[in-house]
């Protein structure tokens, strides 16, 4: 009897564990104890996502193994493309000029793939609502801790250190909060995704979703990320255009989107924060730009853009330079970036643009495979409500002027958004929504 009561909650609990074990938390106390007992030094720092995330992800897939045929039947083409992409990544890493770096990070990216599959298996129709509530609840709790930290009521790194944990965040002496993300930009972009995700699921849990929308909105304001603001504005523009086209079939959705857009606009002009101040300053500087050289003087990322394109055209990449080697390949070989050609920037910098980074690291074949996968995954959204694809669009748009694949917690949220979209469109209630939408279109044509 107790097992029957627990069974509907197993997949939601697995979803919660997949999110929590993706936190970028290192385990120094445990590592020191194990190394002392085993008289062996681990080549990597032990963390939640290297030690606990893979077994939980594997358990999720084994527990839901009966869904494998259903998932394969519905998502065969994009999954084949994804499998090819990761095989290509490993081949590029093996052949790379920087094999130590490329192989290490290919292993890390493979954990992302495992996590994505685990979400895909765990997000099944019968427990989809509970899984969504679990995801939202975890986000709200983490943001509550972030806000308490921001206002000096607690200290996240100190709180973790007391329990033998460590988290790598931006320098807290000058940077706005990055929550449990390693950088303020992925924090802001994911908050945009959460904002739209909870708008789309508002009817499932008004109170919890409203709290998450408020927390995500406040996070965007305090993060200090211009990219977060840009992502929000672009996604709202896309959503208004797509929703306006479907206004006859989705008046309620259009009203919600319009109200959200007005609220964001009012908030932008009325709130005073570092995020909005930085965004306004950048907009004012952009108004004075006449040539691309003006952009390069404004920010180093534009020099990196040009250097990456020049290198890619001069030496067209086929296999690519290997995973997480963009800085070594471009900064190490570009005269224009000689002033930042040191170990720190070569290790930490990418192109600040997802397509450019993928092009250099995985070659033309890798870039085309990524774009084809995204097209195959997004294509069902053309048949359904536009709001349902906005979280996915947010994490993609947010990487036009940045690149977050290195950030494990960001990738966990991104995997959840993609897997939840697939569950809604192919296995959940939205599959019937899309059929209804197609029927209405046929009736209108008649």
Protein backbone atom coordinates (compact mmCIF):
# COMPACT_ATOMS: atom_id res chain seq x y z
CA UNK A 1 0.00 0.00 0.00
CA UNK A 2 2.76 2.45 0.95
CA UNK A 3 4.63 1.58 -2.29
CA UNK A 4 1.53 2.42 -4.33
CA UNK A 5 1.28 5.79 -2.57
CA UNK A 6 4.97 6.49 -3.19
CA UNK A 7 5.07 5.37 -6.82
CA UNK A 8 3.48 8.53 -8.35
CA UNK A 9 6.15 10.60 -6.60
CA UNK A 10 9.22 8.61 -7.69
CA UNK A 11 9.67 10.41 -11.01
CA UNK A 12 9.08 13.89 -9.48
CA UNK A 13 11.65 13.01 -6.80
CA UNK A 14 14.09 11.91 -9.49
CA UNK A 15 13.54 15.21 -11.32
CA UNK A 16 14.28 17.06 -8.07
CA UNK A 17 17.46 15.04 -7.46
CA UNK A 18 18.65 15.63 -11.03
CA UNK A 19 18.34 19.38 -10.47
CA UNK A 20 19.89 19.37 -6.99
CA UNK A 21 22.81 17.10 -7.92
CA UNK A 22 23.59 19.44 -10.84
CA UNK A 23 24.48 22.19 -8.37
CA UNK A 24 28.16 23.13 -8.87
CA UNK A 25 29.05 21.99 -5.35
CA UNK A 26 32.49 20.53 -4.70
CA UNK A 27 33.05 17.99 -1.92
CA UNK A 28 36.48 18.87 -0.46
CA UNK A 29 35.88 17.25 2.94
CA UNK A 30 34.76 13.95 1.38
CA UNK A 31 37.60 14.05 -1.16
CA UNK A 32 40.19 14.61 1.55
CA UNK A 33 38.79 11.71 3.60
CA UNK A 34 38.73 9.32 0.63
CA UNK A 35 42.22 10.26 -0.52
CA UNK A 36 43.51 9.74 3.00
CA UNK A 37 41.85 6.32 3.29
CA UNK A 38 42.83 5.14 -0.19
CA UNK A 39 46.27 6.80 -0.30
CA UNK A 40 45.33 7.99 -3.76
CA UNK A 41 44.86 11.46 -5.27
CA UNK A 42 41.86 11.90 -7.56
CA UNK A 43 42.70 13.61 -10.88
CA UNK A 44 39.57 15.81 -10.56
CA UNK A 45 37.81 17.61 -7.74
CA UNK A 46 34.91 15.50 -6.51
CA UNK A 47 31.55 17.21 -6.83
CA UNK A 48 27.85 16.42 -6.71
CA UNK A 49 27.63 16.25 -10.50
CA UNK A 50 30.60 13.88 -10.93
CA UNK A 51 29.86 11.61 -7.97
CA UNK A 52 26.06 11.53 -7.52
CA UNK A 53 24.44 12.87 -10.71
CA UNK A 54 25.44 9.99 -13.08
CA UNK A 55 24.06 7.17 -10.87
CA UNK A 56 20.79 9.05 -10.28
CA UNK A 57 20.48 9.70 -14.03
CA UNK A 58 21.10 6.02 -14.80
CA UNK A 59 18.56 4.95 -12.17
CA UNK A 60 16.00 7.30 -13.71
CA UNK A 61 16.48 5.68 -17.11
CA UNK A 62 16.37 2.13 -15.73
CA UNK A 63 13.26 2.87 -13.63
CA UNK A 64 11.45 4.21 -16.70
CA UNK A 65 12.99 1.75 -19.18
CA UNK A 66 9.56 0.74 -20.49
CA UNK A 67 9.25 4.22 -22.02
CA UNK A 68 12.30 3.69 -24.26
CA UNK A 69 10.28 2.45 -27.26
CA UNK A 70 7.72 5.28 -26.92
CA UNK A 71 10.47 7.91 -26.72
CA UNK A 72 12.34 6.39 -29.67
CA UNK A 73 9.17 6.22 -31.74
CA UNK A 74 8.31 9.89 -31.17
CA UNK A 75 11.80 11.45 -31.15
CA UNK A 76 13.83 9.18 -33.39
CA UNK A 77 15.30 11.81 -35.75
CA UNK A 78 16.50 14.39 -33.20
CA UNK A 79 17.90 11.63 -30.96
CA UNK A 80 19.87 10.13 -33.86
CA UNK A 81 21.24 13.61 -34.57
CA UNK A 82 22.14 14.09 -30.90
CA UNK A 83 23.91 10.72 -30.75
CA UNK A 84 25.87 11.58 -33.90
CA UNK A 85 26.79 14.96 -32.40
CA UNK A 86 28.31 13.39 -29.28
CA UNK A 87 30.19 10.75 -31.30
CA UNK A 88 31.58 13.59 -33.41
CA UNK A 89 32.53 15.49 -30.23
CA UNK A 90 34.51 12.51 -28.90
CA UNK A 91 36.22 11.98 -32.27
CA UNK A 92 37.23 15.65 -32.31
CA UNK A 93 38.52 15.39 -28.74
CA UNK A 94 40.66 12.33 -29.57
CA UNK A 95 42.15 14.06 -32.63
CA UNK A 96 42.54 17.46 -30.92
CA UNK A 97 45.80 19.37 -30.51
CA UNK A 98 44.74 19.76 -26.88
CA UNK A 99 43.66 16.19 -25.99
CA UNK A 100 43.95 16.56 -22.21
CA UNK A 101 41.52 19.50 -22.14
CA UNK A 102 39.21 18.18 -24.86
CA UNK A 103 38.85 14.67 -23.41
CA UNK A 104 38.26 15.98 -19.88
CA UNK A 105 35.44 18.28 -20.97
CA UNK A 106 33.96 15.74 -23.40
CA UNK A 107 33.51 13.52 -20.36
CA UNK A 108 31.81 16.38 -18.55
CA UNK A 109 29.53 17.10 -21.51
CA UNK A 110 28.61 13.42 -21.63
CA UNK A 111 27.24 13.80 -18.09
CA UNK A 112 25.00 16.53 -19.53
CA UNK A 113 23.76 14.11 -22.19
CA UNK A 114 23.04 11.47 -19.55
CA UNK A 115 21.14 14.05 -17.49
CA UNK A 116 19.08 15.10 -20.50
CA UNK A 117 18.09 11.50 -21.20
CA UNK A 118 17.23 11.03 -17.52
CA UNK A 119 14.84 14.01 -17.69
CA UNK A 120 13.39 12.66 -20.92
CA UNK A 121 12.60 9.32 -19.27
CA UNK A 122 11.41 10.76 -15.92
CA UNK A 123 9.03 13.37 -17.36
CA UNK A 124 6.16 11.06 -18.20
CA UNK A 125 2.51 12.06 -18.62
CA UNK A 126 1.04 10.75 -15.35
CA UNK A 127 3.48 12.64 -13.10
CA UNK A 128 4.21 15.63 -15.33
CA UNK A 129 2.33 18.09 -13.13
CA UNK A 130 4.05 16.88 -9.93
CA UNK A 131 7.45 16.98 -11.64
CA UNK A 132 6.80 20.57 -12.73
CA UNK A 133 5.84 21.53 -9.19
CA UNK A 134 9.00 19.87 -7.85
CA UNK A 135 11.12 21.83 -10.33
CA UNK A 136 9.38 25.11 -9.46
CA UNK A 137 9.61 24.48 -5.71
CA UNK A 138 13.37 23.88 -5.88
CA UNK A 139 13.89 27.06 -7.89
CA UNK A 140 11.85 29.13 -5.42
CA UNK A 141 13.79 27.73 -2.43
CA UNK A 142 17.18 28.38 -4.06
CA UNK A 143 16.13 31.91 -4.99
CA UNK A 144 14.90 32.56 -1.44
CA UNK A 145 18.38 31.63 -0.16
CA UNK A 146 19.89 33.89 -2.83
CA UNK A 147 17.77 36.86 -1.75
CA UNK A 148 18.62 36.26 1.91
CA UNK A 149 22.30 36.22 0.95
CA UNK A 150 21.90 39.43 -1.07
CA UNK A 151 20.40 41.26 1.90
CA UNK A 152 22.97 39.96 4.38
CA UNK A 153 20.69 37.54 6.23
CA UNK A 154 22.85 34.53 5.36
CA UNK A 155 26.03 33.68 3.44
CA UNK A 156 25.73 30.87 0.89
CA UNK A 157 29.46 29.94 0.61
CA UNK A 158 29.88 30.02 4.39
CA UNK A 159 26.72 27.99 4.90
CA UNK A 160 27.99 25.35 2.47
CA UNK A 161 31.49 25.34 3.98
CA UNK A 162 30.04 24.47 7.38
CA UNK A 163 28.72 21.25 5.79
CA UNK A 164 31.93 20.28 3.97
CA UNK A 165 30.87 21.76 0.63
CA UNK A 166 32.37 24.43 -1.62
CA UNK A 167 30.86 26.45 -4.47
CA UNK A 168 32.72 28.48 -7.11
CA UNK A 169 30.97 31.80 -7.67
CA UNK A 170 32.03 35.13 -9.15
CA UNK A 171 34.05 37.43 -6.91
CA UNK A 172 31.56 38.47 -4.25
CA UNK A 173 33.44 41.69 -3.54
CA UNK A 174 32.21 43.39 -6.71
CA UNK A 175 29.84 41.16 -8.66
CA UNK A 176 26.06 41.04 -8.22
CA UNK A 177 24.73 37.73 -6.92
CA UNK A 178 24.97 34.75 -9.26
CA UNK A 179 22.83 32.58 -6.97
CA UNK A 180 23.95 28.95 -7.23
CA UNK A 181 25.14 29.48 -10.79
CA UNK A 182 28.83 30.09 -11.41
CA UNK A 183 28.21 33.38 -13.20
CA UNK A 184 25.53 36.09 -13.25
CA UNK A 185 24.77 35.67 -16.97
CA UNK A 186 23.54 32.04 -16.86
CA UNK A 187 21.66 32.96 -13.66
CA UNK A 188 19.79 35.75 -15.47
CA UNK A 189 19.12 33.77 -18.66
CA UNK A 190 17.79 30.75 -16.75
CA UNK A 191 15.58 33.11 -14.72
CA UNK A 192 14.11 34.35 -18.03
CA UNK A 193 13.43 30.73 -18.96
CA UNK A 194 11.81 30.04 -15.57
CA UNK A 195 9.69 33.20 -15.97
CA UNK A 196 8.21 31.92 -19.25
CA UNK A 197 7.97 28.32 -18.06
CA UNK A 198 5.80 29.35 -15.12
CA UNK A 199 3.68 31.63 -17.30
CA UNK A 200 2.96 28.60 -19.47
CA UNK A 201 2.14 26.44 -16.42
CA UNK A 202 0.34 29.04 -14.35
CA UNK A 203 -2.96 27.14 -14.36
CA UNK A 204 -1.38 24.04 -12.80
CA UNK A 205 -0.38 25.83 -9.60
CA UNK A 206 -1.29 29.49 -9.27
CA UNK A 207 0.46 30.10 -5.96
CA UNK A 208 3.71 28.25 -6.66
CA UNK A 209 3.99 29.53 -10.23
CA UNK A 210 3.25 33.11 -9.12
CA UNK A 211 6.03 32.87 -6.53
CA UNK A 212 8.42 31.55 -9.20
CA UNK A 213 7.46 34.33 -11.64
CA UNK A 214 8.11 36.94 -8.93
CA UNK A 215 11.42 35.29 -7.96
CA UNK A 216 12.54 35.03 -11.61
CA UNK A 217 11.62 38.68 -12.27
CA UNK A 218 13.55 39.88 -9.22
CA UNK A 219 16.49 37.66 -10.20
CA UNK A 220 16.68 39.29 -13.63
CA UNK A 221 16.72 42.71 -11.96
CA UNK A 222 19.44 41.95 -9.38
CA UNK A 223 21.71 39.73 -11.50
CA UNK A 224 23.45 42.67 -13.21
CA UNK A 225 23.31 40.88 -16.57
CA UNK A 226 22.62 42.84 -19.74
CA UNK A 227 22.27 39.52 -21.51
CA UNK A 228 19.34 38.65 -19.26
CA UNK A 229 17.51 41.85 -20.20
CA UNK A 230 18.25 41.35 -23.92
CA UNK A 231 17.03 37.74 -23.76
CA UNK A 232 13.81 38.77 -22.03
CA UNK A 233 13.06 41.54 -24.53
CA UNK A 234 13.80 39.39 -27.60
CA UNK A 235 11.72 36.48 -26.29
CA UNK A 236 8.79 38.80 -25.53
CA UNK A 237 9.00 40.18 -29.08
CA UNK A 238 9.00 36.67 -30.57
CA UNK A 239 6.14 35.65 -28.31
CA UNK A 240 4.00 38.67 -29.14
CA UNK A 241 4.49 38.10 -32.88
CA UNK A 242 3.72 34.38 -32.71
CA UNK A 243 0.80 34.80 -30.32
CA UNK A 244 -0.70 37.61 -32.40
CA UNK A 245 -0.81 35.21 -35.36
CA UNK A 246 -2.84 32.80 -33.23
CA UNK A 247 -5.00 35.41 -31.50
CA UNK A 248 -8.23 33.84 -32.77
CA UNK A 249 -7.36 30.56 -31.06
CA UNK A 250 -5.56 31.86 -27.99
CA UNK A 251 -7.07 35.11 -26.72
CA UNK A 252 -6.28 34.26 -23.09
CA UNK A 253 -2.64 33.51 -23.91
CA UNK A 254 -2.39 36.76 -25.87
CA UNK A 255 -3.77 38.76 -22.94
CA UNK A 256 -1.31 37.10 -20.53
CA UNK A 257 1.62 37.80 -22.86
CA UNK A 258 0.52 41.40 -23.44
CA UNK A 259 0.15 42.03 -19.70
CA UNK A 260 3.59 40.47 -19.08
CA UNK A 261 5.16 42.67 -21.78
CA UNK A 262 3.56 45.83 -20.35
CA UNK A 263 4.66 44.87 -16.82
CA UNK A 264 8.23 44.28 -18.00
CA UNK A 265 8.23 47.61 -19.83
CA UNK A 266 6.94 49.53 -16.82
CA UNK A 267 9.36 47.72 -14.53
CA UNK A 268 12.30 48.47 -16.81
CA UNK A 269 11.70 52.20 -16.79
CA UNK A 270 10.66 52.50 -13.14
CA UNK A 271 13.10 50.21 -11.34
CA UNK A 272 16.60 51.34 -10.50
CA UNK A 273 19.19 48.57 -10.43
CA UNK A 274 22.71 47.83 -11.62
CA UNK A 275 21.28 45.59 -14.34
CA UNK A 276 19.17 48.34 -15.85
CA UNK A 277 21.91 50.96 -15.40
CA UNK A 278 24.44 48.73 -17.23
CA UNK A 279 21.91 48.02 -19.99
CA UNK A 280 21.11 51.71 -20.48
CA UNK A 281 24.82 52.59 -20.53
CA UNK A 282 25.45 49.95 -23.21
CA UNK A 283 22.50 51.18 -25.29
CA UNK A 284 23.81 54.75 -25.11
CA UNK A 285 27.25 53.60 -26.25
CA UNK A 286 25.73 51.57 -29.10
CA UNK A 287 23.98 54.70 -30.39
CA UNK A 288 27.41 56.25 -30.97
CA UNK A 289 28.78 53.26 -32.90
CA UNK A 290 29.59 53.94 -36.56
CA UNK A 291 32.00 51.14 -37.49
CA UNK A 292 32.83 47.66 -36.27
CA UNK A 293 36.07 49.05 -34.85
CA UNK A 294 33.93 51.16 -32.50
CA UNK A 295 32.34 47.94 -31.22
CA UNK A 296 35.78 46.41 -30.71
CA UNK A 297 36.85 49.40 -28.66
CA UNK A 298 33.67 49.06 -26.64
CA UNK A 299 34.06 45.38 -25.67
CA UNK A 300 36.66 42.66 -26.18
CA UNK A 301 33.99 40.13 -27.20
CA UNK A 302 33.71 41.88 -30.60
CA UNK A 303 37.45 41.42 -31.16
CA UNK A 304 36.97 37.75 -30.28
CA UNK A 305 34.11 37.50 -32.81
CA UNK A 306 36.33 38.82 -35.60
CA UNK A 307 39.32 36.71 -34.57
CA UNK A 308 37.20 33.55 -34.52
CA UNK A 309 35.69 34.25 -37.96
CA UNK A 310 39.12 35.08 -39.42
CA UNK A 311 40.62 31.86 -38.05
CA UNK A 312 37.65 29.77 -39.16
CA UNK A 313 37.77 31.13 -42.71
CA UNK A 314 41.56 30.87 -42.95
CA UNK A 315 41.62 27.30 -41.58
CA UNK A 316 38.09 25.90 -42.15
CA UNK A 317 37.53 23.50 -39.25
CA UNK A 318 36.31 19.99 -40.08
CA UNK A 319 36.65 18.07 -36.82
CA UNK A 320 37.24 21.27 -34.84
CA UNK A 321 39.79 22.00 -32.16
CA UNK A 322 38.08 19.89 -29.47
CA UNK A 323 35.75 20.50 -26.54
CA UNK A 324 36.42 23.62 -24.41
CA UNK A 325 39.52 24.56 -26.44
CA UNK A 326 38.22 27.72 -28.12
CA UNK A 327 40.46 30.00 -26.03
CA UNK A 328 43.58 27.97 -26.77
CA UNK A 329 42.77 27.80 -30.47
CA UNK A 330 41.66 31.40 -31.14
CA UNK A 331 43.29 33.52 -28.42
CA UNK A 332 46.51 31.49 -28.67
CA UNK A 333 46.77 32.05 -32.45
CA UNK A 334 45.32 35.55 -32.98
CA UNK A 335 47.53 38.65 -33.12
CA UNK A 336 44.49 40.82 -32.40
CA UNK A 337 44.11 39.08 -29.01
CA UNK A 338 47.78 39.12 -28.02
CA UNK A 339 46.98 41.39 -25.06
CA UNK A 340 44.90 38.63 -23.43
CA UNK A 341 47.00 35.68 -24.59
CA UNK A 342 47.72 34.15 -21.21
CA UNK A 343 46.67 30.96 -19.39
CA UNK A 344 43.76 32.60 -17.55
CA UNK A 345 41.98 33.87 -20.67
CA UNK A 346 42.89 30.87 -22.87
CA UNK A 347 41.34 28.56 -20.28
CA UNK A 348 38.26 30.57 -19.35
CA UNK A 349 37.24 32.53 -22.45
CA UNK A 350 35.05 31.38 -25.32
CA UNK A 351 33.64 33.38 -28.23
CA UNK A 352 30.64 34.66 -26.19
CA UNK A 353 28.55 33.25 -29.02
CA UNK A 354 27.30 29.67 -29.18
CA UNK A 355 27.43 29.10 -32.99
CA UNK A 356 30.96 30.55 -33.24
CA UNK A 357 32.25 28.45 -30.34
CA UNK A 358 30.66 25.27 -31.71
CA UNK A 359 32.05 26.03 -35.18
CA UNK A 360 35.62 26.36 -33.90
CA UNK A 361 35.45 23.45 -31.43
CA UNK A 362 33.40 20.97 -33.51
CA UNK A 363 33.86 22.16 -37.08
CA UNK A 364 31.31 22.69 -39.83
CA UNK A 365 29.85 19.22 -39.35
CA UNK A 366 29.29 19.77 -35.62
CA UNK A 367 27.69 23.18 -36.17
CA UNK A 368 25.30 21.85 -38.84
CA UNK A 369 24.42 18.89 -36.59
CA UNK A 370 23.56 21.24 -33.70
CA UNK A 371 21.39 23.47 -35.91
CA UNK A 372 19.60 20.46 -37.40
CA UNK A 373 18.95 19.01 -33.93
CA UNK A 374 17.46 22.34 -32.77
CA UNK A 375 15.25 22.55 -35.85
CA UNK A 376 13.96 19.00 -35.33
CA UNK A 377 13.30 19.66 -31.63
CA UNK A 378 11.61 23.05 -32.11
CA UNK A 379 9.55 22.01 -35.14
CA UNK A 380 6.56 20.64 -33.15
CA UNK A 381 6.20 24.08 -31.50
CA UNK A 382 4.96 25.44 -34.83
CA UNK A 383 1.81 23.36 -34.32
CA UNK A 384 1.13 24.35 -30.71
CA UNK A 385 0.88 27.34 -28.35
CA UNK A 386 3.95 29.62 -28.76
CA UNK A 387 4.33 30.12 -24.99
CA UNK A 388 5.30 26.48 -24.46
CA UNK A 389 8.55 26.82 -26.41
CA UNK A 390 9.67 30.11 -24.82
CA UNK A 391 11.84 28.56 -22.06
CA UNK A 392 13.83 26.68 -24.73
CA UNK A 393 14.03 29.77 -26.89
CA UNK A 394 15.28 31.80 -23.91
CA UNK A 395 18.27 29.51 -23.25
CA UNK A 396 19.10 29.57 -26.98
CA UNK A 397 18.70 33.33 -27.46
CA UNK A 398 20.73 33.91 -24.28
CA UNK A 399 23.72 32.32 -26.00
CA UNK A 400 23.79 34.69 -28.97
CA UNK A 401 26.12 36.98 -26.98
CA UNK A 402 27.43 34.34 -24.57
CA UNK A 403 28.03 30.60 -24.21
CA UNK A 404 27.07 28.58 -21.14
CA UNK A 405 27.63 24.92 -22.04
CA UNK A 406 30.50 24.84 -19.51
CA UNK A 407 28.02 25.61 -16.69
CA UNK A 408 26.55 22.38 -15.29
CA UNK A 409 23.62 23.97 -13.42
CA UNK A 410 22.61 25.97 -16.49
CA UNK A 411 22.69 22.80 -18.58
CA UNK A 412 20.47 20.97 -16.07
CA UNK A 413 17.80 23.68 -16.41
CA UNK A 414 18.22 23.70 -20.19
CA UNK A 415 17.84 19.90 -20.30
CA UNK A 416 14.71 20.13 -18.17
CA UNK A 417 13.16 22.75 -20.49
CA UNK A 418 13.89 20.68 -23.61
CA UNK A 419 12.69 17.41 -22.07
CA UNK A 420 9.54 19.00 -20.59
CA UNK A 421 8.70 20.51 -23.97
CA UNK A 422 9.04 17.09 -25.60
CA UNK A 423 6.88 15.50 -22.90
CA UNK A 424 4.12 18.11 -23.33
CA UNK A 425 4.14 18.07 -27.13
CA UNK A 426 4.56 14.34 -27.73
CA UNK A 427 3.32 12.52 -24.63
CA UNK A 428 1.17 15.00 -22.71
CA UNK A 429 -1.88 17.17 -23.04
CA UNK A 430 -0.36 19.44 -25.68
CA UNK A 431 -0.29 16.58 -28.17
CA UNK A 432 -4.08 16.88 -28.21
CA UNK A 433 -3.78 20.67 -28.31
CA UNK A 434 -1.73 20.49 -31.50
CA UNK A 435 -4.23 18.12 -33.08
CA UNK A 436 -7.06 20.52 -32.15
CA UNK A 437 -5.08 23.43 -33.59
CA UNK A 438 -4.61 21.57 -36.88
CA UNK A 439 -8.34 20.74 -37.00
CA UNK A 440 -9.28 24.43 -36.49
CA UNK A 441 -6.93 25.45 -39.29
CA UNK A 442 -8.51 22.91 -41.62
CA UNK A 443 -12.00 24.16 -40.73
CA UNK A 444 -10.96 27.79 -41.37
CA UNK A 445 -9.55 26.83 -44.78
CA UNK A 446 -12.81 25.04 -45.59
